[in-house]
Amino acid sequence: MHSPDTKQRIQTEALRLFAENGYHAVTVEQIAAAVGIKAPSLYKHYSGKRAILDSILRRMEEGGALGACMSGSGSAVFGLF
């Protein structure tokens, strides 16, 4: 069984790493290490880095945060890339 807490920690750490380093510079191994798990364990929760990003964006959209991030002159979300 996959822990919802682990999935949330993966999303949280991935978002932090994406914001600090940019999406393309971050590896699955770095995300896993930040969560305190091994990369193969991360793959039990997500198929890859893109799946993690997709789940973060979905969660932001559902919470109304995506629209807030994308409003105005700059986009915090696109700044991740």
Protein backbone atom coordinates (compact mmCIF):
# COMPACT_ATOMS: atom_id res chain seq x y z
CA MET A 1 0.00 0.00 0.00
CA HIS A 2 1.27 3.47 -0.89
CA SER A 3 1.32 6.02 1.91
CA PRO A 4 -0.49 9.27 1.10
CA ASP A 5 2.02 10.99 3.39
CA THR A 6 4.92 9.77 1.25
CA LYS A 7 3.21 10.99 -1.93
CA GLN A 8 2.67 14.39 -0.33
CA ARG A 9 6.29 14.53 0.86
CA ILE A 10 7.45 13.66 -2.66
CA GLN A 11 5.34 16.49 -4.09
CA THR A 12 6.53 18.96 -1.45
CA GLU A 13 10.22 18.16 -1.87
CA ALA A 14 9.97 18.03 -5.66
CA LEU A 15 8.31 21.44 -5.75
CA ARG A 16 11.00 22.87 -3.47
CA LEU A 17 13.78 21.42 -5.64
CA PHE A 18 12.10 22.55 -8.87
CA ALA A 19 11.77 26.09 -7.46
CA GLU A 20 15.40 26.17 -6.29
CA ASN A 21 17.07 24.51 -9.28
CA GLY A 22 14.60 24.39 -12.17
CA TYR A 23 12.67 21.34 -13.34
CA HIS A 24 15.26 20.13 -15.85
CA ALA A 25 18.15 20.28 -13.36
CA VAL A 26 16.45 18.08 -10.76
CA THR A 27 16.72 14.30 -10.89
CA VAL A 28 14.44 11.64 -9.48
CA GLU A 29 17.35 10.56 -7.30
CA GLN A 30 17.57 14.07 -5.79
CA ILE A 31 13.85 14.11 -5.06
CA ALA A 32 14.02 10.67 -3.45
CA ALA A 33 17.02 11.68 -1.32
CA ALA A 34 15.21 14.82 -0.14
CA VAL A 35 12.27 12.66 0.94
CA GLY A 36 14.57 10.13 2.60
CA ILE A 37 13.78 7.23 0.30
CA LYS A 38 15.58 5.45 -2.53
CA ALA A 39 14.71 6.22 -6.16
CA PRO A 40 13.18 2.75 -6.75
CA SER A 41 10.80 3.45 -3.86
CA LEU A 42 9.77 6.74 -5.45
CA TYR A 43 8.77 4.82 -8.58
CA LYS A 44 6.23 2.91 -6.47
CA HIS A 45 4.38 6.22 -6.11
CA TYR A 46 5.06 7.95 -9.44
CA SER A 47 6.17 6.76 -12.87
CA GLY A 48 8.73 9.55 -13.13
CA LYS A 49 9.56 13.21 -12.66
CA ARG A 50 6.92 14.39 -15.14
CA ALA A 51 4.23 12.45 -13.27
CA ILE A 52 5.27 14.22 -10.06
CA LEU A 53 5.05 17.62 -11.75
CA ASP A 54 1.66 16.74 -13.24
CA SER A 55 0.33 15.77 -9.81
CA ILE A 56 1.64 19.02 -8.30
CA LEU A 57 -0.02 21.08 -11.03
CA ARG A 58 -3.28 19.13 -10.65
CA ARG A 59 -3.26 19.71 -6.91
CA MET A 60 -2.58 23.43 -7.41
CA GLU A 61 -5.38 23.67 -9.97
CA GLU A 62 -7.84 21.90 -7.68
CA GLY A 63 -6.92 24.23 -4.83
CA GLY A 64 -7.18 27.33 -7.00
CA ALA A 65 -3.49 28.06 -6.53
CA LEU A 66 -2.53 27.57 -10.17
CA GLY A 67 -4.61 30.51 -11.32
CA ALA A 68 -3.14 32.70 -8.60
CA CYS A 69 0.41 31.66 -9.55
CA MET A 70 -0.20 32.41 -13.21
CA SER A 71 -1.94 35.77 -12.79
CA GLY A 72 -0.07 39.02 -13.15
CA SER A 73 2.95 39.83 -15.23
CA GLY A 74 5.05 36.79 -14.30
CA SER A 75 4.29 33.16 -13.82
CA ALA A 76 5.73 31.40 -10.78
CA VAL A 77 4.90 28.05 -12.32
CA PHE A 78 6.72 28.70 -15.60
CA GLY A 79 9.64 30.04 -13.57
CA LEU A 80 10.26 26.43 -12.55
CA PHE A 81 11.44 25.64 -16.06
